[in-house]
PDB file of N, CA and C in Angstrom:
ATOM      1  N   UNK A   1       2.875 -12.814   2.810  1.00  0.00           N
ATOM      2  CA  UNK A   1       1.356 -13.295   2.426  1.00  0.00           C
ATOM      3  C   UNK A   1       0.629 -13.958   3.726  1.00  0.00           C
ATOM      4  N   UNK A   2       1.508 -15.342   3.529  1.00  0.00           N
ATOM      5  CA  UNK A   2       1.093 -16.835   3.815  1.00  0.00           C
ATOM      6  C   UNK A   2       0.693 -15.934   5.785  1.00  0.00           C
ATOM      7  N   UNK A   3       1.839 -15.736   6.617  1.00  0.00           N
ATOM      8  CA  UNK A   3       1.164 -15.181   7.448  1.00  0.00           C
ATOM      9  C   UNK A   3       0.023 -14.489   7.604  1.00  0.00           C
ATOM     10  N   UNK A   4      -0.850 -13.708   6.971  1.00  0.00           N
ATOM     11  CA  UNK A   4      -1.490 -12.809   7.284  1.00  0.00           C
ATOM     12  C   UNK A   4      -2.554 -13.307   6.672  1.00  0.00           C
ATOM     13  N   UNK A   5      -2.137 -14.478   5.741  1.00  0.00           N
ATOM     14  CA  UNK A   5      -4.127 -15.068   4.879  1.00  0.00           C
ATOM     15  C   UNK A   5      -4.060 -16.769   6.363  1.00  0.00           C
ATOM     16  N   UNK A   6      -3.319 -16.246   6.834  1.00  0.00           N
ATOM     17  CA  UNK A   6      -3.564 -17.224   8.166  1.00  0.00           C
ATOM     18  C   UNK A   6      -4.069 -16.512   9.233  1.00  0.00           C
ATOM     19  N   UNK A   7      -4.172 -15.272   9.102  1.00  0.00           N
ATOM     20  CA  UNK A   7      -4.488 -14.397   9.822  1.00  0.00           C
ATOM     21  C   UNK A   7      -4.079 -13.782  11.565  1.00  0.00           C
ATOM     22  N   UNK A   8      -2.472 -14.916  10.984  1.00  0.00           N
ATOM     23  CA  UNK A   8      -1.740 -13.734  12.214  1.00  0.00           C
ATOM     24  C   UNK A   8      -0.868 -12.761  11.921  1.00  0.00           C
ATOM     25  N   UNK A   9      -1.948 -11.418  12.166  1.00  0.00           N
ATOM     26  CA  UNK A   9      -1.503 -10.433  11.206  1.00  0.00           C
ATOM     27  C   UNK A   9       0.004 -10.319  11.789  1.00  0.00           C
ATOM     28  N   UNK A  10      -0.068  -9.242  13.320  1.00  0.00           N
ATOM     29  CA  UNK A  10       1.304  -9.016  14.453  1.00  0.00           C
ATOM     30  C   UNK A  10       2.717 -10.067  13.541  1.00  0.00           C
ATOM     31  N   UNK A  11       2.162 -11.794  13.331  1.00  0.00           N
ATOM     32  CA  UNK A  11       3.426 -11.670  12.390  1.00  0.00           C
ATOM     33  C   UNK A  11       3.839 -11.486  11.179  1.00  0.00           C
ATOM     34  N   UNK A  12       2.477 -11.133  10.484  1.00  0.00           N
ATOM     35  CA  UNK A  12       2.962 -10.427   9.053  1.00  0.00           C
ATOM     36  C   UNK A  12       3.658  -9.548   9.154  1.00  0.00           C
ATOM     37  N   UNK A  13       3.251  -8.819   9.668  1.00  0.00           N
ATOM     38  CA  UNK A  13       3.713  -7.131  10.072  1.00  0.00           C
ATOM     39  C   UNK A  13       5.392  -7.363  10.253  1.00  0.00           C
ATOM     40  N   UNK A  14       5.577  -7.865  11.170  1.00  0.00           N
ATOM     41  CA  UNK A  14       7.382  -8.035  11.713  1.00  0.00           C
ATOM     42  C   UNK A  14       8.099  -8.281  10.871  1.00  0.00           C
ATOM     43  N   UNK A  15       7.411 -10.009   9.689  1.00  0.00           N
ATOM     44  CA  UNK A  15       7.708 -10.092   9.121  1.00  0.00           C
ATOM     45  C   UNK A  15       8.315  -9.027   7.226  1.00  0.00           C
ATOM     46  N   UNK A  16       6.594  -8.086   7.370  1.00  0.00           N
ATOM     47  CA  UNK A  16       7.766  -7.540   6.224  1.00  0.00           C
ATOM     48  C   UNK A  16       8.172  -6.053   6.845  1.00  0.00           C
ATOM     49  N   UNK A  17       8.254  -5.980   7.850  1.00  0.00           N
ATOM     50  CA  UNK A  17       8.751  -4.851   8.456  1.00  0.00           C
ATOM     51  C   UNK A  17      10.633  -4.470   7.819  1.00  0.00           C
ATOM     52  N   UNK A  18      10.965  -3.747   7.312  1.00  0.00           N
ATOM     53  CA  UNK A  18      12.393  -3.845   6.724  1.00  0.00           C
ATOM     54  C   UNK A  18      12.577  -4.415   5.215  1.00  0.00           C
ATOM     55  N   UNK A  19      11.257  -5.516   4.863  1.00  0.00           N
ATOM     56  CA  UNK A  19      11.610  -6.331   3.671  1.00  0.00           C
ATOM     57  C   UNK A  19      11.517  -4.971   2.313  1.00  0.00           C
ATOM     58  N   UNK A  20      10.807  -3.963   2.330  1.00  0.00           N
ATOM     59  CA  UNK A  20      10.800  -3.673   1.262  1.00  0.00           C
ATOM     60  C   UNK A  20      12.256  -2.415   1.685  1.00  0.00           C
ATOM     61  N   UNK A  21      13.187  -2.100   2.564  1.00  0.00           N
ATOM     62  CA  UNK A  21      14.467  -1.551   1.999  1.00  0.00           C
ATOM     63  C   UNK A  21      15.588  -2.681   1.960  1.00  0.00           C
ATOM     64  N   UNK A  22      15.265  -4.050   2.092  1.00  0.00           N
ATOM     65  CA  UNK A  22      15.564  -5.188   1.549  1.00  0.00           C
ATOM     66  C   UNK A  22      16.063  -4.948   0.036  1.00  0.00           C
ATOM     67  N   UNK A  23      14.841  -4.709  -0.699  1.00  0.00           N
ATOM     68  CA  UNK A  23      14.122  -5.303  -1.768  1.00  0.00           C
ATOM     69  C   UNK A  23      14.999  -3.736  -2.936  1.00  0.00           C
ATOM     70  N   UNK A  24      14.945  -2.653  -2.163  1.00  0.00           N
ATOM     71  CA  UNK A  24      15.867  -1.192  -2.804  1.00  0.00           C
ATOM     72  C   UNK A  24      16.941  -1.532  -2.383  1.00  0.00           C
ATOM     73  N   UNK A  25      17.560  -2.214  -1.733  1.00  0.00           N
ATOM     74  CA  UNK A  25      18.903  -2.411  -1.704  1.00  0.00           C
ATOM     75  C   UNK A  25      19.746  -3.192  -2.861  1.00  0.00           C
ATOM     76  N   UNK A  26      18.803  -4.142  -2.954  1.00  0.00           N
ATOM     77  CA  UNK A  26      18.964  -4.979  -4.328  1.00  0.00           C
ATOM     78  C   UNK A  26      18.465  -4.110  -5.581  1.00  0.00           C
ATOM     79  N   UNK A  27      18.041  -2.918  -5.892  1.00  0.00           N
ATOM     80  CA  UNK A  27      17.454  -2.565  -6.671  1.00  0.00           C
ATOM     81  C   UNK A  27      16.625  -2.749  -7.419  1.00  0.00           C
ATOM     82  N   UNK A  28      15.119  -2.830  -6.579  1.00  0.00           N
ATOM     83  CA  UNK A  28      14.457  -3.823  -6.888  1.00  0.00           C
ATOM     84  C   UNK A  28      12.578  -3.431  -6.331  1.00  0.00           C
ATOM     85  N   UNK A  29      12.878  -1.557  -6.712  1.00  0.00           N
ATOM     86  CA  UNK A  29      12.134  -0.790  -5.970  1.00  0.00           C
ATOM     87  C   UNK A  29      10.009  -1.439  -6.498  1.00  0.00           C
ATOM     88  N   UNK A  30      10.123  -2.359  -7.371  1.00  0.00           N
ATOM     89  CA  UNK A  30       9.015  -2.432  -7.133  1.00  0.00           C
ATOM     90  C   UNK A  30       8.363  -3.815  -6.440  1.00  0.00           C
ATOM     91  N   UNK A  31       9.564  -4.561  -6.228  1.00  0.00           N
ATOM     92  CA  UNK A  31       8.931  -5.255  -4.978  1.00  0.00           C
ATOM     93  C   UNK A  31       8.750  -4.688  -3.681  1.00  0.00           C
ATOM     94  N   UNK A  32       9.596  -3.606  -3.439  1.00  0.00           N
ATOM     95  CA  UNK A  32       9.408  -3.085  -2.658  1.00  0.00           C
ATOM     96  C   UNK A  32       8.241  -2.201  -2.102  1.00  0.00           C
ATOM     97  N   UNK A  33       7.801  -2.180  -3.500  1.00  0.00           N
ATOM     98  CA  UNK A  33       6.455  -0.849  -3.550  1.00  0.00           C
ATOM     99  C   UNK A  33       5.479  -2.151  -3.681  1.00  0.00           C
ATOM    100  N   UNK A  34       5.497  -3.409  -4.126  1.00  0.00           N
ATOM    101  CA  UNK A  34       4.725  -4.360  -3.561  1.00  0.00           C
ATOM    102  C   UNK A  34       4.729  -4.555  -2.123  1.00  0.00           C
ATOM    103  N   UNK A  35       5.998  -5.168  -1.180  1.00  0.00           N
ATOM    104  CA  UNK A  35       5.920  -5.004   0.532  1.00  0.00           C
ATOM    105  C   UNK A  35       4.857  -4.022   0.829  1.00  0.00           C
ATOM    106  N   UNK A  36       5.259  -2.526   0.520  1.00  0.00           N
ATOM    107  CA  UNK A  36       5.149  -1.649   1.024  1.00  0.00           C
ATOM    108  C   UNK A  36       3.287  -1.613   1.035  1.00  0.00           C
ATOM    109  N   UNK A  37       2.701  -2.026   0.007  1.00  0.00           N
ATOM    110  CA  UNK A  37       1.719  -2.818   0.085  1.00  0.00           C
ATOM    111  C   UNK A  37       0.448  -3.611   1.120  1.00  0.00           C
ATOM    112  N   UNK A  38       1.544  -5.066   1.221  1.00  0.00           N
ATOM    113  CA  UNK A  38       0.525  -5.619   1.699  1.00  0.00           C
ATOM    114  C   UNK A  38       1.221  -5.261   2.889  1.00  0.00           C
ATOM    115  N   UNK A  39       2.371  -4.442   3.618  1.00  0.00           N
ATOM    116  CA  UNK A  39       2.042  -4.027   5.008  1.00  0.00           C
ATOM    117  C   UNK A  39       0.731  -3.146   5.125  1.00  0.00           C
ATOM    118  N   UNK A  40       0.569  -2.280   4.020  1.00  0.00           N
ATOM    119  CA  UNK A  40      -0.646  -1.162   3.943  1.00  0.00           C
ATOM    120  C   UNK A  40      -1.809  -2.283   4.712  1.00  0.00           C
ATOM    121  N   UNK A  41      -2.055  -3.471   4.012  1.00  0.00           N
ATOM    122  CA  UNK A  41      -3.099  -4.131   3.726  1.00  0.00           C
ATOM    123  C   UNK A  41      -3.476  -4.572   5.231  1.00  0.00           C
ATOM    124  N   UNK A  42      -1.785  -5.210   5.615  1.00  0.00           N
ATOM    125  CA  UNK A  42      -1.705  -5.581   7.126  1.00  0.00           C
ATOM    126  C   UNK A  42      -2.493  -4.594   8.481  1.00  0.00           C
ATOM    127  N   UNK A  43      -1.766  -3.638   7.572  1.00  0.00           N
ATOM    128  CA  UNK A  43      -2.258  -2.181   9.354  1.00  0.00           C
ATOM    129  C   UNK A  43      -3.825  -1.505   8.960  1.00  0.00           C
ATOM    130  N   UNK A  44      -4.488  -2.331   8.025  1.00  0.00           N
ATOM    131  CA  UNK A  44      -5.175  -1.893   7.927  1.00  0.00           C
ATOM    132  C   UNK A  44      -6.207  -2.890   8.290  1.00  0.00           C
ATOM    133  N   UNK A  45      -5.946  -3.854   8.182  1.00  0.00           N
ATOM    134  CA  UNK A  45      -6.844  -5.224   9.177  1.00  0.00           C
ATOM    135  C   UNK A  45      -6.540  -5.069  10.728  1.00  0.00           C
ATOM    136  N   UNK A  46      -5.368  -4.517  11.010  1.00  0.00           N
ATOM    137  CA  UNK A  46      -4.712  -4.368  12.709  1.00  0.00           C
ATOM    138  C   UNK A  46      -5.635  -3.500  13.506  1.00  0.00           C
ATOM    139  N   UNK A  47      -6.077  -2.150  12.387  1.00  0.00           N
ATOM    140  CA  UNK A  47      -6.960  -0.767  12.857  1.00  0.00           C
ATOM    141  C   UNK A  47      -5.985   0.194  12.689  1.00  0.00           C
ATOM    142  N   UNK A  48      -5.371  -0.006  11.595  1.00  0.00           N
ATOM    143  CA  UNK A  48      -3.864   1.746  12.101  1.00  0.00           C
ATOM    144  C   UNK A  48      -4.576   2.536  10.836  1.00  0.00           C
ATOM    145  N   UNK A  49      -5.487   2.731  10.403  1.00  0.00           N
ATOM    146  CA  UNK A  49      -5.981   3.246   9.565  1.00  0.00           C
ATOM    147  C   UNK A  49      -4.821   4.238   8.471  1.00  0.00           C
ATOM    148  N   UNK A  50      -3.937   5.344   9.436  1.00  0.00           N
ATOM    149  CA  UNK A  50      -3.712   6.155   9.118  1.00  0.00           C
ATOM    150  C   UNK A  50      -2.397   6.164   8.765  1.00  0.00           C
ATOM    151  N   UNK A  51      -1.652   4.960   8.845  1.00  0.00           N
ATOM    152  CA  UNK A  51      -0.533   4.904   8.697  1.00  0.00           C
ATOM    153  C   UNK A  51      -0.646   3.616   7.643  1.00  0.00           C
ATOM    154  N   UNK A  52      -1.397   2.874   7.447  1.00  0.00           N
ATOM    155  CA  UNK A  52      -1.897   2.785   5.779  1.00  0.00           C
ATOM    156  C   UNK A  52      -2.266   3.350   5.046  1.00  0.00           C
ATOM    157  N   UNK A  53      -2.999   4.524   5.301  1.00  0.00           N
ATOM    158  CA  UNK A  53      -2.903   5.777   4.631  1.00  0.00           C
ATOM    159  C   UNK A  53      -1.869   6.306   3.585  1.00  0.00           C
ATOM    160  N   UNK A  54      -1.310   6.551   5.166  1.00  0.00           N
ATOM    161  CA  UNK A  54       0.354   7.548   4.952  1.00  0.00           C
ATOM    162  C   UNK A  54       1.422   5.999   3.294  1.00  0.00           C
ATOM    163  N   UNK A  55       1.502   4.957   4.297  1.00  0.00           N
ATOM    164  CA  UNK A  55       2.164   4.116   3.296  1.00  0.00           C
ATOM    165  C   UNK A  55       1.304   3.982   1.463  1.00  0.00           C
ATOM    166  N   UNK A  56       0.495   3.778   1.686  1.00  0.00           N
ATOM    167  CA  UNK A  56      -0.469   3.575   0.568  1.00  0.00           C
ATOM    168  C   UNK A  56      -0.222   5.101  -0.740  1.00  0.00           C
ATOM    169  N   UNK A  57      -0.303   5.590   0.195  1.00  0.00           N
ATOM    170  CA  UNK A  57      -0.443   6.905  -0.252  1.00  0.00           C
ATOM    171  C   UNK A  57       1.315   7.281  -1.143  1.00  0.00           C
ATOM    172  N   UNK A  58       2.268   6.977  -0.469  1.00  0.00           N
ATOM    173  CA  UNK A  58       3.673   7.482  -0.324  1.00  0.00           C
ATOM    174  C   UNK A  58       4.299   6.265  -1.887  1.00  0.00           C
ATOM    175  N   UNK A  59       4.092   5.262  -1.584  1.00  0.00           N
ATOM    176  CA  UNK A  59       3.870   4.178  -2.659  1.00  0.00           C
ATOM    177  C   UNK A  59       3.308   4.045  -3.710  1.00  0.00           C
ATOM    178  N   UNK A  60       2.274   4.890  -3.591  1.00  0.00           N
ATOM    179  CA  UNK A  60       1.197   4.417  -5.038  1.00  0.00           C
ATOM    180  C   UNK A  60       1.717   5.836  -6.040  1.00  0.00           C
ATOM    181  N   UNK A  61       2.475   6.675  -5.087  1.00  0.00           N
ATOM    182  CA  UNK A  61       3.001   7.778  -5.777  1.00  0.00           C
ATOM    183  C   UNK A  61       4.558   7.572  -6.136  1.00  0.00           C
ATOM    184  N   UNK A  62       4.791   6.544  -5.835  1.00  0.00           N
ATOM    185  CA  UNK A  62       6.638   6.415  -6.089  1.00  0.00           C
ATOM    186  C   UNK A  62       6.258   5.771  -7.519  1.00  0.00           C
ATOM    187  N   UNK A  63       5.200   5.049  -7.779  1.00  0.00           N
ATOM    188  CA  UNK A  63       5.336   3.871  -8.764  1.00  0.00           C
ATOM    189  C   UNK A  63       5.214   4.883  -9.855  1.00  0.00           C
ATOM    190  N   UNK A  64       3.795   5.960  -9.392  1.00  0.00           N
ATOM    191  CA  UNK A  64       3.575   6.819 -10.453  1.00  0.00           C
ATOM    192  C   UNK A  64       5.170   7.277 -11.583  1.00  0.00           C
ATOM    193  N   UNK A  65       5.939   7.717 -10.249  1.00  0.00           N
ATOM    194  CA  UNK A  65       6.992   8.532 -10.589  1.00  0.00           C
ATOM    195  C   UNK A  65       7.943   7.313 -11.524  1.00  0.00           C
ATOM    196  N   UNK A  66       8.193   6.548 -11.331  1.00  0.00           N
ATOM    197  CA  UNK A  66       8.734   5.621 -11.923  1.00  0.00           C
ATOM    198  C   UNK A  66       8.072   4.723 -13.426  1.00  0.00           C
ATOM    199  N   UNK A  67       6.638   5.825 -13.362  1.00  0.00           N
ATOM    200  CA  UNK A  67       5.918   5.191 -14.907  1.00  0.00           C
ATOM    201  C   UNK A  67       5.449   4.043 -14.878  1.00  0.00           C
ATOM    202  N   UNK A  68       5.182   3.171 -13.599  1.00  0.00           N
ATOM    203  CA  UNK A  68       4.735   1.895 -13.630  1.00  0.00           C
ATOM    204  C   UNK A  68       3.002   2.447 -12.976  1.00  0.00           C
ATOM    205  N   UNK A  69       2.333   2.529 -14.520  1.00  0.00           N
ATOM    206  CA  UNK A  69       1.068   3.187 -13.999  1.00  0.00           C
ATOM    207  C   UNK A  69       0.097   1.855 -13.680  1.00  0.00           C
ATOM    208  N   UNK A  70       0.580   0.542 -14.220  1.00  0.00           N
ATOM    209  CA  UNK A  70      -0.288  -0.893 -13.273  1.00  0.00           C
ATOM    210  C   UNK A  70       0.009  -0.976 -12.266  1.00  0.00           C
ATOM    211  N   UNK A  71       0.775  -0.699 -11.409  1.00  0.00           N
ATOM    212  CA  UNK A  71       1.224  -0.459 -10.111  1.00  0.00           C
ATOM    213  C   UNK A  71       0.715   0.666  -9.317  1.00  0.00           C
ATOM    214  N   UNK A  72       1.279   1.466 -10.028  1.00  0.00           N
ATOM    215  CA  UNK A  72       0.164   2.960  -9.590  1.00  0.00           C
ATOM    216  C   UNK A  72      -1.353   2.768  -9.361  1.00  0.00           C
ATOM    217  N   UNK A  73      -2.330   2.216 -10.530  1.00  0.00           N
ATOM    218  CA  UNK A  73      -3.402   1.931 -10.896  1.00  0.00           C
ATOM    219  C   UNK A  73      -3.826   1.167  -9.150  1.00  0.00           C
ATOM    220  N   UNK A  74      -2.579  -0.023  -8.891  1.00  0.00           N
ATOM    221  CA  UNK A  74      -3.108  -1.230  -7.883  1.00  0.00           C
ATOM    222  C   UNK A  74      -3.413  -0.638  -6.728  1.00  0.00           C
ATOM    223  N   UNK A  75      -1.921   0.362  -6.021  1.00  0.00           N
ATOM    224  CA  UNK A  75      -2.319   0.648  -5.463  1.00  0.00           C
ATOM    225  C   UNK A  75      -2.988   2.083  -5.226  1.00  0.00           C
ATOM    226  N   UNK A  76      -3.264   2.922  -5.865  1.00  0.00           N
ATOM    227  CA  UNK A  76      -4.118   3.707  -5.517  1.00  0.00           C
ATOM    228  C   UNK A  76      -5.498   3.654  -5.559  1.00  0.00           C
ATOM    229  N   UNK A  77      -5.641   2.552  -6.153  1.00  0.00           N
ATOM    230  CA  UNK A  77      -6.971   2.005  -5.784  1.00  0.00           C
ATOM    231  C   UNK A  77      -7.410   1.212  -4.913  1.00  0.00           C
ATOM    232  N   UNK A  78      -6.466   0.672  -4.212  1.00  0.00           N
ATOM    233  CA  UNK A  78      -6.309  -0.115  -2.848  1.00  0.00           C
ATOM    234  C   UNK A  78      -6.955   1.522  -1.655  1.00  0.00           C
ATOM    235  N   UNK A  79      -5.864   2.573  -2.043  1.00  0.00           N
ATOM    236  CA  UNK A  79      -5.928   3.639  -1.045  1.00  0.00           C
ATOM    237  C   UNK A  79      -7.646   4.574  -0.979  1.00  0.00           C
ATOM    238  N   UNK A  80      -7.524   4.625  -1.800  1.00  0.00           N
ATOM    239  CA  UNK A  80      -9.799   5.403  -2.861  1.00  0.00           C
ATOM    240  C   UNK A  80     -10.166   3.853  -1.954  1.00  0.00           C
ATOM    241  N   UNK A  81      -9.962   3.016  -2.035  1.00  0.00           N
ATOM    242  CA  UNK A  81     -11.079   2.252  -2.132  1.00  0.00           C
ATOM    243  C   UNK A  81     -11.381   2.233   0.009  1.00  0.00           C
ATOM    244  N   UNK A  82     -10.033   1.786   0.514  1.00  0.00           N
ATOM    245  CA  UNK A  82     -10.413   2.410   2.047  1.00  0.00           C
ATOM    246  C   UNK A  82     -10.786   3.316   2.485  1.00  0.00           C
ATOM    247  N   UNK A  83     -10.430   4.818   1.857  1.00  0.00           N
ATOM    248  CA  UNK A  83     -10.431   5.974   1.906  1.00  0.00           C
ATOM    249  C   UNK A  83     -12.450   5.747   2.315  1.00  0.00           C
ATOM    250  N   UNK A  84     -12.655   5.231   1.192  1.00  0.00           N
ATOM    251  CA  UNK A  84     -14.204   5.425   0.783  1.00  0.00           C
ATOM    252  C   UNK A  84     -15.222   4.753   1.736  1.00  0.00           C
ATOM    253  N   UNK A  85     -14.034   3.299   2.487  1.00  0.00           N
ATOM    254  CA  UNK A  85     -15.114   2.719   3.534  1.00  0.00           C
ATOM    255  C   UNK A  85     -14.752   3.718   4.509  1.00  0.00           C
ATOM    256  N   UNK A  86     -14.085   4.812   4.560  1.00  0.00           N
ATOM    257  CA  UNK A  86     -13.613   5.073   6.033  1.00  0.00           C
ATOM    258  C   UNK A  86     -14.668   6.365   5.990  1.00  0.00           C
ATOM    259  N   UNK A  87     -15.454   6.172   4.599  1.00  0.00           N
ATOM    260  CA  UNK A  87     -16.449   7.557   4.337  1.00  0.00           C
ATOM    261  C   UNK A  87     -15.902   8.604   3.844  1.00  0.00           C
ATOM    262  N   UNK A  88     -14.179   8.312   3.793  1.00  0.00           N
ATOM    263  CA  UNK A  88     -14.040   9.929   3.510  1.00  0.00           C
ATOM    264  C   UNK A  88     -13.931   9.853   1.984  1.00  0.00           C
ATOM    265  N   UNK A  89     -14.860  10.438   1.539  1.00  0.00           N
ATOM    266  CA  UNK A  89     -15.594  10.303  -0.012  1.00  0.00           C
ATOM    267  C   UNK A  89     -14.847  11.172  -0.699  1.00  0.00           C
ATOM    268  N   UNK A  90     -14.333  11.927  -0.625  1.00  0.00           N
ATOM    269  CA  UNK A  90     -14.575  13.339  -1.014  1.00  0.00           C
ATOM    270  C   UNK A  90     -12.679  13.119  -1.166  1.00  0.00           C
ATOM    271  N   UNK A  91     -11.767  12.574  -0.224  1.00  0.00           N
ATOM    272  CA  UNK A  91     -10.464  12.221  -0.444  1.00  0.00           C
ATOM    273  C   UNK A  91     -10.510  10.882  -1.547  1.00  0.00           C
ATOM    274  N   UNK A  92     -11.166  10.115  -1.438  1.00  0.00           N
ATOM    275  CA  UNK A  92     -11.418   8.799  -2.293  1.00  0.00           C
ATOM    276  C   UNK A  92     -11.335   9.317  -3.349  1.00  0.00           C
ATOM    277  N   UNK A  93     -12.210   9.637  -4.027  1.00  0.00           N
ATOM    278  CA  UNK A  93     -12.731  10.814  -5.495  1.00  0.00           C
ATOM    279  C   UNK A  93     -11.390  11.382  -5.672  1.00  0.00           C
ATOM    280  N   UNK A  94     -10.997  12.175  -4.849  1.00  0.00           N
ATOM    281  CA  UNK A  94      -9.151  12.797  -5.538  1.00  0.00           C
ATOM    282  C   UNK A  94      -8.614  11.437  -6.144  1.00  0.00           C
ATOM    283  N   UNK A  95      -8.592  10.888  -5.040  1.00  0.00           N
ATOM    284  CA  UNK A  95      -7.158   9.861  -5.267  1.00  0.00           C
ATOM    285  C   UNK A  95      -7.300   8.937  -6.270  1.00  0.00           C
ATOM    286  N   UNK A  96      -8.783   8.628  -6.726  1.00  0.00           N
ATOM    287  CA  UNK A  96      -9.196   7.894  -7.341  1.00  0.00           C
ATOM    288  C   UNK A  96      -8.689   8.183  -9.368  1.00  0.00           C
ATOM    289  N   UNK A  97      -9.139   9.420  -9.143  1.00  0.00           N
ATOM    290  CA  UNK A  97      -9.000  10.463  -9.952  1.00  0.00           C
ATOM    291  C   UNK A  97      -7.137  10.827 -10.426  1.00  0.00           C
ATOM    292  N   UNK A  98      -6.032  10.799  -9.628  1.00  0.00           N
ATOM    293  CA  UNK A  98      -5.257  10.985  -9.357  1.00  0.00           C
ATOM    294  C   UNK A  98      -4.211   9.878 -10.228  1.00  0.00           C
ATOM    295  N   UNK A  99      -4.878   8.470  -9.774  1.00  0.00           N
ATOM    296  CA  UNK A  99      -3.995   7.786 -10.050  1.00  0.00           C
ATOM    297  C   UNK A  99      -4.744   6.162 -11.131  1.00  0.00           C
ATOM    298  N   UNK A 100      -5.815   6.907 -11.656  1.00  0.00           N
ATOM    299  CA  UNK A 100      -6.578   6.208 -12.903  1.00  0.00           C
ATOM    300  C   UNK A 100      -6.212   7.106 -13.897  1.00  0.00           C
ATOM    301  N   UNK A 101      -6.077   6.343 -15.160  1.00  0.00           N
ATOM    302  CA  UNK A 101      -5.076   7.242 -16.484  1.00  0.00           C
ATOM    303  C   UNK A 101      -6.699   7.663 -17.072  1.00  0.00           C
TER     304      UNK A 101
END
C-alpha cells in the first residue's frame, strides 16, 4: 500500500505478486482477497483494465461464496464503479445488483 500511495505502481505490483498465495497457504483467504483488491487497484492505475476486472470479479465471487458479505460488497462495489468509469454501465448495474444485499 505504501508503494502504491507513493506512486511507485510497478514496485507495488511487484510486491503484491504472490502475496495472495502466501496468505492462502497460511489459511487466510480473507487477507488473500484483500491483496487481490489492492493489486487490482494498481492494475487499474497502470491501465491494465481487463486484468483488473478479472481479478476483482473472481475475488468478489470468492468473498460471496465464503459468506463474507462485507468484503463481497467492497470488492463488487469497486468492480461496479470501475465498469461504470469505463462506460460499461449495463455491466456495472448487473455487478452492483449481484453484490449488494
